[in-house]
Amino acid sequence: MRKWKVWDHFRDYFPIKLVKTVELNPNKNYIFGCHPHGIMSFGAFSCFSTESCGFAEAFPGVKPTLLILAGLFRIPIYRDYIMGAGLLPVSKPSLVHLLSKSGKGNAAVIVIGGAAESLASSPGLNTVVVRQRKGFTVDPILILHRADLVPVYSFGENELFKQMIFSEGSVGRRLQDLFKSLVGFAPCMFLGERLAFLPYRTPVTTVVGSPISIPKRITPTEEEVNHYHNLYTEALSKLFHEHKVSCGMPETFVLAVF
């Protein structure tokens, strides 16, 4: 399914491109932290769940697996489709399977900001939710199994739809937060091309940054957790500013980190 020809047409609609900045060692495992979530995370899906962007050629010996909201696997029929596409729920059992029971050369791909980040998705905005998301660096399972952290940014992801963003404390935002707390994702009011169903044909460039090595610890200290989480946040910000102009953004654009 990863190599179906339809994914090439999907890629070319935008188009979507994968950019490699460093080599990845196939004898290691990785956690890719993808940003921003956008409305649909088209960049992450195209680059890491299909071969339309040439991941296998760019990173030989490394196999990416996109992990998504666990609740989606409870939807009849849709569950079979996403399982057929090779997606897994973002959960500890999935991570244990990928990082300790499947050998080396595995990359667990997580869109870190999730629903909170999707609510900040709109053209011209570059907002990531990462400061309070220490789970992917703090979790003893990840540190125990020695998976390096890799920051990833999909430039153009937020330009694909125009979203009505509700201010904090408004009725609309409170309803979104309530829905998110109940089902795990937030309903967004957005518009695209042609009756609002299609995203705008805007290029998306997904840049894979340099891995951050995490030492093997059974019980990491709070200082260690904060240190490596800060390293990740700094690396993500550096990746954004180094590539924003070459990926079509103005030099004046900044990355807002929450």
C-alpha atoms as a PDB file:
ATOM      1  CA  MET A   1       0.000   0.000   0.000  1.00  0.00           C
ATOM      2  CA  ARG A   2       2.932   2.349   0.669  1.00  0.00           C
ATOM      3  CA  LYS A   3       3.913   2.207  -3.013  1.00  0.00           C
ATOM      4  CA  TRP A   4       0.491   2.550  -4.612  1.00  0.00           C
ATOM      5  CA  LYS A   5       0.573   4.880  -7.607  1.00  0.00           C
ATOM      6  CA  VAL A   6      -2.295   6.907  -6.157  1.00  0.00           C
ATOM      7  CA  TRP A   7       0.080   8.306  -3.535  1.00  0.00           C
ATOM      8  CA  ASP A   8       2.221   9.823  -6.288  1.00  0.00           C
ATOM      9  CA  HIS A   9      -0.838  11.751  -7.479  1.00  0.00           C
ATOM     10  CA  PHE A  10      -1.582  12.714  -3.879  1.00  0.00           C
ATOM     11  CA  ARG A  11       1.991  14.045  -3.494  1.00  0.00           C
ATOM     12  CA  ASP A  12       1.880  15.969  -6.761  1.00  0.00           C
ATOM     13  CA  TYR A  13      -1.388  17.745  -5.939  1.00  0.00           C
ATOM     14  CA  PHE A  14       0.357  20.090  -3.471  1.00  0.00           C
ATOM     15  CA  PRO A  15       3.211  19.065  -4.165  1.00  0.00           C
ATOM     16  CA  ILE A  16       4.833  17.503  -1.092  1.00  0.00           C
ATOM     17  CA  LYS A  17       8.600  17.094  -0.821  1.00  0.00           C
ATOM     18  CA  LEU A  18      10.889  15.358   1.670  1.00  0.00           C
ATOM     19  CA  VAL A  19      14.187  17.075   2.549  1.00  0.00           C
ATOM     20  CA  LYS A  20      17.060  15.194   4.185  1.00  0.00           C
ATOM     21  CA  THR A  21      19.615  17.158   6.212  1.00  0.00           C
ATOM     22  CA  VAL A  22      21.724  14.318   7.689  1.00  0.00           C
ATOM     23  CA  GLU A  23      22.263  10.590   7.382  1.00  0.00           C
ATOM     24  CA  LEU A  24      20.406   8.315   9.789  1.00  0.00           C
ATOM     25  CA  ASN A  25      22.120   5.195  11.119  1.00  0.00           C
ATOM     26  CA  PRO A  26      20.013   2.106  10.302  1.00  0.00           C
ATOM     27  CA  ASN A  27      21.447   0.408  13.393  1.00  0.00           C
ATOM     28  CA  LYS A  28      19.565   2.800  15.646  1.00  0.00           C
ATOM     29  CA  ASN A  29      15.917   3.466  16.431  1.00  0.00           C
ATOM     30  CA  TYR A  30      14.336   6.909  16.312  1.00  0.00           C
ATOM     31  CA  ILE A  31      11.372   8.964  17.445  1.00  0.00           C
ATOM     32  CA  PHE A  32      10.465  11.589  14.841  1.00  0.00           C
ATOM     33  CA  GLY A  33       8.659  14.553  16.372  1.00  0.00           C
ATOM     34  CA  CYS A  34       6.636  16.132  13.541  1.00  0.00           C
ATOM     35  CA  HIS A  35       5.379  19.724  13.520  1.00  0.00           C
ATOM     36  CA  PRO A  36       3.064  21.426  12.875  1.00  0.00           C
ATOM     37  CA  HIS A  37      -0.031  19.240  13.055  1.00  0.00           C
ATOM     38  CA  GLY A  38      -2.002  21.405  10.643  1.00  0.00           C
ATOM     39  CA  ILE A  39      -5.563  20.300   9.939  1.00  0.00           C
ATOM     40  CA  MET A  40      -4.769  16.916   8.385  1.00  0.00           C
ATOM     41  CA  SER A  41      -0.972  16.358   8.725  1.00  0.00           C
ATOM     42  CA  PHE A  42      -0.643  15.732   4.992  1.00  0.00           C
ATOM     43  CA  GLY A  43       3.132  16.204   5.015  1.00  0.00           C
ATOM     44  CA  ALA A  44       3.710  13.586   7.705  1.00  0.00           C
ATOM     45  CA  PHE A  45       1.361  11.102   6.052  1.00  0.00           C
ATOM     46  CA  SER A  46       2.813  11.457   2.556  1.00  0.00           C
ATOM     47  CA  CYS A  47       6.462  11.329   3.656  1.00  0.00           C
ATOM     48  CA  PHE A  48       6.267   8.636   6.334  1.00  0.00           C
ATOM     49  CA  SER A  49       3.272   6.425   5.482  1.00  0.00           C
ATOM     50  CA  THR A  50       3.798   6.211   1.727  1.00  0.00           C
ATOM     51  CA  GLU A  51       6.858   5.931  -0.489  1.00  0.00           C
ATOM     52  CA  SER A  52       5.723   8.768  -2.751  1.00  0.00           C
ATOM     53  CA  CYS A  53       8.399  11.107  -1.363  1.00  0.00           C
ATOM     54  CA  GLY A  54      11.248   8.579  -1.487  1.00  0.00           C
ATOM     55  CA  PHE A  55      11.913   7.985   2.216  1.00  0.00           C
ATOM     56  CA  ALA A  56      13.465   4.532   1.680  1.00  0.00           C
ATOM     57  CA  GLU A  57      15.903   5.926  -0.865  1.00  0.00           C
ATOM     58  CA  ALA A  58      16.775   8.939   1.280  1.00  0.00           C
ATOM     59  CA  PHE A  59      17.227   6.924   4.480  1.00  0.00           C
ATOM     60  CA  PRO A  60      18.122   3.341   3.517  1.00  0.00           C
ATOM     61  CA  GLY A  61      17.564   0.793   6.256  1.00  0.00           C
ATOM     62  CA  VAL A  62      15.206   3.003   8.284  1.00  0.00           C
ATOM     63  CA  LYS A  63      11.491   2.193   8.334  1.00  0.00           C
ATOM     64  CA  PRO A  64       9.079   4.946   9.476  1.00  0.00           C
ATOM     65  CA  THR A  65       5.738   4.182  11.131  1.00  0.00           C
ATOM     66  CA  LEU A  66       3.221   6.952  11.710  1.00  0.00           C
ATOM     67  CA  LEU A  67       1.453   6.764  15.082  1.00  0.00           C
ATOM     68  CA  ILE A  68      -1.953   8.426  15.302  1.00  0.00           C
ATOM     69  CA  LEU A  69      -4.773   8.967  17.783  1.00  0.00           C
ATOM     70  CA  ALA A  70      -5.716   5.637  19.357  1.00  0.00           C
ATOM     71  CA  GLY A  71      -9.425   6.463  19.255  1.00  0.00           C
ATOM     72  CA  LEU A  72      -9.423   6.357  15.458  1.00  0.00           C
ATOM     73  CA  PHE A  73      -8.833   2.605  15.624  1.00  0.00           C
ATOM     74  CA  ARG A  74     -12.265   2.168  17.188  1.00  0.00           C
ATOM     75  CA  ILE A  75     -14.074   3.446  14.088  1.00  0.00           C
ATOM     76  CA  PRO A  76     -15.439   0.525  12.008  1.00  0.00           C
ATOM     77  CA  ILE A  77     -14.061   0.173   8.460  1.00  0.00           C
ATOM     78  CA  TYR A  78     -11.795   3.224   8.898  1.00  0.00           C
ATOM     79  CA  ARG A  79      -9.824   1.147  11.410  1.00  0.00           C
ATOM     80  CA  ASP A  80      -9.154  -1.502   8.766  1.00  0.00           C
ATOM     81  CA  TYR A  81      -8.075   1.130   6.277  1.00  0.00           C
ATOM     82  CA  ILE A  82      -5.518   2.792   8.563  1.00  0.00           C
ATOM     83  CA  MET A  83      -4.190  -0.567   9.740  1.00  0.00           C
ATOM     84  CA  GLY A  84      -3.781  -1.556   6.090  1.00  0.00           C
ATOM     85  CA  ALA A  85      -1.806   1.653   5.585  1.00  0.00           C
ATOM     86  CA  GLY A  86       0.602   0.531   8.316  1.00  0.00           C
ATOM     87  CA  LEU A  87      -0.414   3.132  10.909  1.00  0.00           C
ATOM     88  CA  LEU A  88      -0.350   2.361  14.632  1.00  0.00           C
ATOM     89  CA  PRO A  89      -2.015   3.988  17.651  1.00  0.00           C
ATOM     90  CA  VAL A  90       0.184   6.382  19.577  1.00  0.00           C
ATOM     91  CA  SER A  91       0.440   4.296  22.745  1.00  0.00           C
ATOM     92  CA  LYS A  92       3.056   2.661  24.935  1.00  0.00           C
ATOM     93  CA  PRO A  93       2.418  -0.847  23.529  1.00  0.00           C
ATOM     94  CA  SER A  94       3.004   0.465  20.002  1.00  0.00           C
ATOM     95  CA  LEU A  95       6.231   2.179  21.029  1.00  0.00           C
ATOM     96  CA  VAL A  96       7.469  -0.884  22.898  1.00  0.00           C
ATOM     97  CA  HIS A  97       6.769  -2.985  19.807  1.00  0.00           C
ATOM     98  CA  LEU A  98       8.609  -0.618  17.474  1.00  0.00           C
ATOM     99  CA  LEU A  99      11.549   0.209  19.725  1.00  0.00           C
ATOM    100  CA  SER A 100      12.285  -3.098  21.438  1.00  0.00           C
ATOM    101  CA  LYS A 101      10.666  -5.963  19.531  1.00  0.00           C
ATOM    102  CA  SER A 102      11.241  -5.052  15.900  1.00  0.00           C
ATOM    103  CA  GLY A 103      15.009  -4.832  15.753  1.00  0.00           C
ATOM    104  CA  LYS A 104      16.848  -1.709  14.655  1.00  0.00           C
ATOM    105  CA  GLY A 105      16.218   0.873  11.974  1.00  0.00           C
ATOM    106  CA  ASN A 106      12.710   1.806  13.154  1.00  0.00           C
ATOM    107  CA  ALA A 107      11.358   5.336  13.329  1.00  0.00           C
ATOM    108  CA  ALA A 108       8.230   5.995  15.377  1.00  0.00           C
ATOM    109  CA  VAL A 109       6.689   9.125  13.856  1.00  0.00           C
ATOM    110  CA  ILE A 110       4.565  11.205  16.256  1.00  0.00           C
ATOM    111  CA  VAL A 111       2.831  14.495  15.507  1.00  0.00           C
ATOM    112  CA  ILE A 112       3.676  15.877  18.932  1.00  0.00           C
ATOM    113  CA  GLY A 113       1.351  18.895  19.117  1.00  0.00           C
ATOM    114  CA  GLY A 114      -1.805  16.903  18.426  1.00  0.00           C
ATOM    115  CA  ALA A 115      -5.207  18.524  18.727  1.00  0.00           C
ATOM    116  CA  ALA A 116      -3.900  21.582  20.582  1.00  0.00           C
ATOM    117  CA  GLU A 117      -1.565  22.369  17.701  1.00  0.00           C
ATOM    118  CA  SER A 118      -4.282  21.831  15.099  1.00  0.00           C
ATOM    119  CA  LEU A 119      -6.360  24.588  16.700  1.00  0.00           C
ATOM    120  CA  ALA A 120      -3.535  27.054  15.952  1.00  0.00           C
ATOM    121  CA  SER A 121      -3.263  26.038  12.307  1.00  0.00           C
ATOM    122  CA  SER A 122      -3.857  28.847   9.833  1.00  0.00           C
ATOM    123  CA  PRO A 123      -1.958  30.490   6.959  1.00  0.00           C
ATOM    124  CA  GLY A 124       0.849  32.733   8.174  1.00  0.00           C
ATOM    125  CA  LEU A 125       0.954  31.166  11.639  1.00  0.00           C
ATOM    126  CA  ASN A 126       3.738  28.870  12.810  1.00  0.00           C
ATOM    127  CA  THR A 127       2.810  27.644  16.277  1.00  0.00           C
ATOM    128  CA  VAL A 128       4.033  24.445  17.894  1.00  0.00           C
ATOM    129  CA  VAL A 129       2.877  22.916  21.174  1.00  0.00           C
ATOM    130  CA  VAL A 130       5.863  21.183  22.698  1.00  0.00           C
ATOM    131  CA  ARG A 131       6.897  22.699  26.042  1.00  0.00           C
ATOM    132  CA  GLN A 132       4.257  20.733  27.968  1.00  0.00           C
ATOM    133  CA  ARG A 133       4.678  17.583  25.852  1.00  0.00           C
ATOM    134  CA  LYS A 134       7.561  15.956  27.695  1.00  0.00           C
ATOM    135  CA  GLY A 135       6.164  12.459  27.365  1.00  0.00           C
ATOM    136  CA  PHE A 136       8.088  11.611  24.211  1.00  0.00           C
ATOM    137  CA  THR A 137      11.376  12.516  25.910  1.00  0.00           C
ATOM    138  CA  VAL A 138      10.572  11.633  29.516  1.00  0.00           C
ATOM    139  CA  ASP A 139       8.918   8.237  29.080  1.00  0.00           C
ATOM    140  CA  PRO A 140      11.223   5.615  30.652  1.00  0.00           C
ATOM    141  CA  ILE A 141      10.242   3.182  27.893  1.00  0.00           C
ATOM    142  CA  LEU A 142      11.688   5.454  25.209  1.00  0.00           C
ATOM    143  CA  ILE A 143      14.820   6.245  27.170  1.00  0.00           C
ATOM    144  CA  LEU A 144      15.287   2.623  28.217  1.00  0.00           C
ATOM    145  CA  HIS A 145      15.192   1.469  24.604  1.00  0.00           C
ATOM    146  CA  ARG A 146      17.575   4.190  23.428  1.00  0.00           C
ATOM    147  CA  ALA A 147      15.698   5.899  20.628  1.00  0.00           C
ATOM    148  CA  ASP A 148      17.220   9.126  19.328  1.00  0.00           C
ATOM    149  CA  LEU A 149      14.903  12.123  18.933  1.00  0.00           C
ATOM    150  CA  VAL A 150      14.592  13.718  15.494  1.00  0.00           C
ATOM    151  CA  PRO A 151      12.838  17.086  14.973  1.00  0.00           C
ATOM    152  CA  VAL A 152      10.784  17.356  11.770  1.00  0.00           C
ATOM    153  CA  TYR A 153       9.029  20.417  10.353  1.00  0.00           C
ATOM    154  CA  SER A 154       6.537  20.467   7.469  1.00  0.00           C
ATOM    155  CA  PHE A 155       6.751  23.932   5.946  1.00  0.00           C
ATOM    156  CA  GLY A 156       3.483  24.883   4.252  1.00  0.00           C
ATOM    157  CA  GLU A 157       1.297  22.512   6.288  1.00  0.00           C
ATOM    158  CA  ASN A 158      -0.540  25.402   7.922  1.00  0.00           C
ATOM    159  CA  GLU A 159      -1.219  27.038   4.556  1.00  0.00           C
ATOM    160  CA  LEU A 160      -3.429  24.212   3.254  1.00  0.00           C
ATOM    161  CA  PHE A 161      -6.670  25.375   4.896  1.00  0.00           C
ATOM    162  CA  LYS A 162      -8.073  28.611   6.277  1.00  0.00           C
ATOM    163  CA  GLN A 163      -9.359  28.020   9.782  1.00  0.00           C
ATOM    164  CA  MET A 164     -11.606  30.095  12.007  1.00  0.00           C
ATOM    165  CA  ILE A 165      -9.549  30.411  15.183  1.00  0.00           C
ATOM    166  CA  PHE A 166     -11.508  31.072  18.371  1.00  0.00           C
ATOM    167  CA  SER A 167      -9.872  33.147  21.079  1.00  0.00           C
ATOM    168  CA  GLU A 168      -9.106  31.618  24.464  1.00  0.00           C
ATOM    169  CA  GLY A 169     -12.150  31.748  26.713  1.00  0.00           C
ATOM    170  CA  SER A 170     -14.651  32.189  23.891  1.00  0.00           C
ATOM    171  CA  VAL A 171     -17.698  29.932  23.616  1.00  0.00           C
ATOM    172  CA  GLY A 172     -16.335  28.361  20.428  1.00  0.00           C
ATOM    173  CA  ARG A 173     -12.984  27.578  22.026  1.00  0.00           C
ATOM    174  CA  ARG A 174     -14.597  26.149  25.146  1.00  0.00           C
ATOM    175  CA  LEU A 175     -16.696  23.825  22.990  1.00  0.00           C
ATOM    176  CA  GLN A 176     -13.610  22.726  21.075  1.00  0.00           C
ATOM    177  CA  ASP A 177     -11.732  22.028  24.314  1.00  0.00           C
ATOM    178  CA  LEU A 178     -14.702  20.083  25.699  1.00  0.00           C
ATOM    179  CA  PHE A 179     -14.914  17.957  22.568  1.00  0.00           C
ATOM    180  CA  LYS A 180     -11.151  17.373  22.678  1.00  0.00           C
ATOM    181  CA  SER A 181     -11.304  16.227  26.296  1.00  0.00           C
ATOM    182  CA  LEU A 182     -14.076  13.733  25.450  1.00  0.00           C
ATOM    183  CA  VAL A 183     -12.833  12.168  22.206  1.00  0.00           C
ATOM    184  CA  GLY A 184      -9.174  13.157  21.936  1.00  0.00           C
ATOM    185  CA  PHE A 185      -9.319  15.539  18.988  1.00  0.00           C
ATOM    186  CA  ALA A 186     -10.808  18.968  18.402  1.00  0.00           C
ATOM    187  CA  PRO A 187     -13.340  19.871  15.699  1.00  0.00           C
ATOM    188  CA  CYS A 188     -11.974  22.648  13.466  1.00  0.00           C
ATOM    189  CA  MET A 189     -13.951  25.073  11.301  1.00  0.00           C
ATOM    190  CA  PHE A 190     -11.901  25.389   8.126  1.00  0.00           C
ATOM    191  CA  LEU A 191     -12.187  26.163   4.431  1.00  0.00           C
ATOM    192  CA  GLY A 192     -10.264  24.919   1.429  1.00  0.00           C
ATOM    193  CA  GLU A 193     -10.747  24.870  -2.316  1.00  0.00           C
ATOM    194  CA  ARG A 194     -13.870  23.658  -4.138  1.00  0.00           C
ATOM    195  CA  LEU A 195     -16.670  23.500  -1.605  1.00  0.00           C
ATOM    196  CA  ALA A 196     -14.132  23.536   1.248  1.00  0.00           C
ATOM    197  CA  PHE A 197     -13.259  19.855   0.908  1.00  0.00           C
ATOM    198  CA  LEU A 198      -9.925  20.100  -0.903  1.00  0.00           C
ATOM    199  CA  PRO A 199      -6.799  21.703   0.552  1.00  0.00           C
ATOM    200  CA  TYR A 200      -5.238  24.631  -1.266  1.00  0.00           C
ATOM    201  CA  ARG A 201      -2.557  23.605  -3.744  1.00  0.00           C
ATOM    202  CA  THR A 202       0.335  24.909  -1.680  1.00  0.00           C
ATOM    203  CA  PRO A 203       3.767  23.206  -1.602  1.00  0.00           C
ATOM    204  CA  VAL A 204       4.594  21.318   1.589  1.00  0.00           C
ATOM    205  CA  THR A 205       8.248  20.648   2.361  1.00  0.00           C
ATOM    206  CA  THR A 206       8.936  18.204   5.193  1.00  0.00           C
ATOM    207  CA  VAL A 207      12.465  18.676   6.559  1.00  0.00           C
ATOM    208  CA  VAL A 208      14.021  15.920   8.686  1.00  0.00           C
ATOM    209  CA  GLY A 209      16.533  17.362  11.155  1.00  0.00           C
ATOM    210  CA  SER A 210      19.518  15.949  13.026  1.00  0.00           C
ATOM    211  CA  PRO A 211      18.996  13.235  15.662  1.00  0.00           C
ATOM    212  CA  ILE A 212      19.515  13.988  19.337  1.00  0.00           C
ATOM    213  CA  SER A 213      21.104  11.072  21.178  1.00  0.00           C
ATOM    214  CA  ILE A 214      19.397  10.045  24.418  1.00  0.00           C
ATOM    215  CA  PRO A 215      21.461   8.124  27.010  1.00  0.00           C
ATOM    216  CA  LYS A 216      20.121   4.827  28.298  1.00  0.00           C
ATOM    217  CA  ARG A 217      18.479   5.372  31.682  1.00  0.00           C
ATOM    218  CA  ILE A 218      16.040   3.136  33.505  1.00  0.00           C
ATOM    219  CA  THR A 219      14.887   5.989  35.743  1.00  0.00           C
ATOM    220  CA  PRO A 220      15.733   9.400  34.271  1.00  0.00           C
ATOM    221  CA  THR A 221      16.033  12.320  36.672  1.00  0.00           C
ATOM    222  CA  GLU A 222      13.925  15.451  36.264  1.00  0.00           C
ATOM    223  CA  GLU A 223      17.065  17.381  35.358  1.00  0.00           C
ATOM    224  CA  GLU A 224      17.873  14.909  32.575  1.00  0.00           C
ATOM    225  CA  VAL A 225      14.339  15.072  31.241  1.00  0.00           C
ATOM    226  CA  ASN A 226      14.358  18.880  31.178  1.00  0.00           C
ATOM    227  CA  HIS A 227      17.798  18.948  29.587  1.00  0.00           C
ATOM    228  CA  TYR A 228      16.907  16.706  26.656  1.00  0.00           C
ATOM    229  CA  HIS A 229      13.499  18.258  26.228  1.00  0.00           C
ATOM    230  CA  ASN A 230      15.146  21.678  25.963  1.00  0.00           C
ATOM    231  CA  LEU A 231      17.665  20.290  23.479  1.00  0.00           C
ATOM    232  CA  TYR A 232      14.797  19.067  21.329  1.00  0.00           C
ATOM    233  CA  THR A 233      12.945  22.388  21.482  1.00  0.00           C
ATOM    234  CA  GLU A 234      16.101  24.311  20.560  1.00  0.00           C
ATOM    235  CA  ALA A 235      16.851  21.921  17.680  1.00  0.00           C
ATOM    236  CA  LEU A 236      13.307  22.313  16.336  1.00  0.00           C
ATOM    237  CA  SER A 237      13.561  26.115  16.447  1.00  0.00           C
ATOM    238  CA  LYS A 238      16.959  26.018  14.737  1.00  0.00           C
ATOM    239  CA  LEU A 239      15.593  23.709  12.031  1.00  0.00           C
ATOM    240  CA  PHE A 240      12.717  26.112  11.369  1.00  0.00           C
ATOM    241  CA  HIS A 241      14.869  29.219  11.069  1.00  0.00           C
ATOM    242  CA  GLU A 242      17.551  27.549   8.958  1.00  0.00           C
ATOM    243  CA  HIS A 243      15.079  26.280   6.342  1.00  0.00           C
ATOM    244  CA  LYS A 244      12.126  28.702   6.365  1.00  0.00           C
ATOM    245  CA  VAL A 245      13.399  30.912   3.519  1.00  0.00           C
ATOM    246  CA  SER A 246      14.434  28.034   1.248  1.00  0.00           C
ATOM    247  CA  CYS A 247      10.995  26.494   1.883  1.00  0.00           C
ATOM    248  CA  GLY A 248       9.138  29.579   0.706  1.00  0.00           C
ATOM    249  CA  MET A 249       8.580  31.519   3.925  1.00  0.00           C
ATOM    250  CA  PRO A 250       9.541  35.156   4.489  1.00  0.00           C
ATOM    251  CA  GLU A 251      12.600  35.824   6.642  1.00  0.00           C
ATOM    252  CA  THR A 252      10.341  37.703   9.075  1.00  0.00           C
ATOM    253  CA  PHE A 253       8.323  34.603  10.025  1.00  0.00           C
ATOM    254  CA  VAL A 254       8.950  33.342  13.546  1.00  0.00           C
ATOM    255  CA  LEU A 255       8.194  30.083  15.331  1.00  0.00           C
ATOM    256  CA  ALA A 256       5.925  30.421  18.375  1.00  0.00           C
ATOM    257  CA  VAL A 257       6.673  27.640  20.871  1.00  0.00           C
ATOM    258  CA  PHE A 258       4.163  26.791  23.590  1.00  0.00           C
END
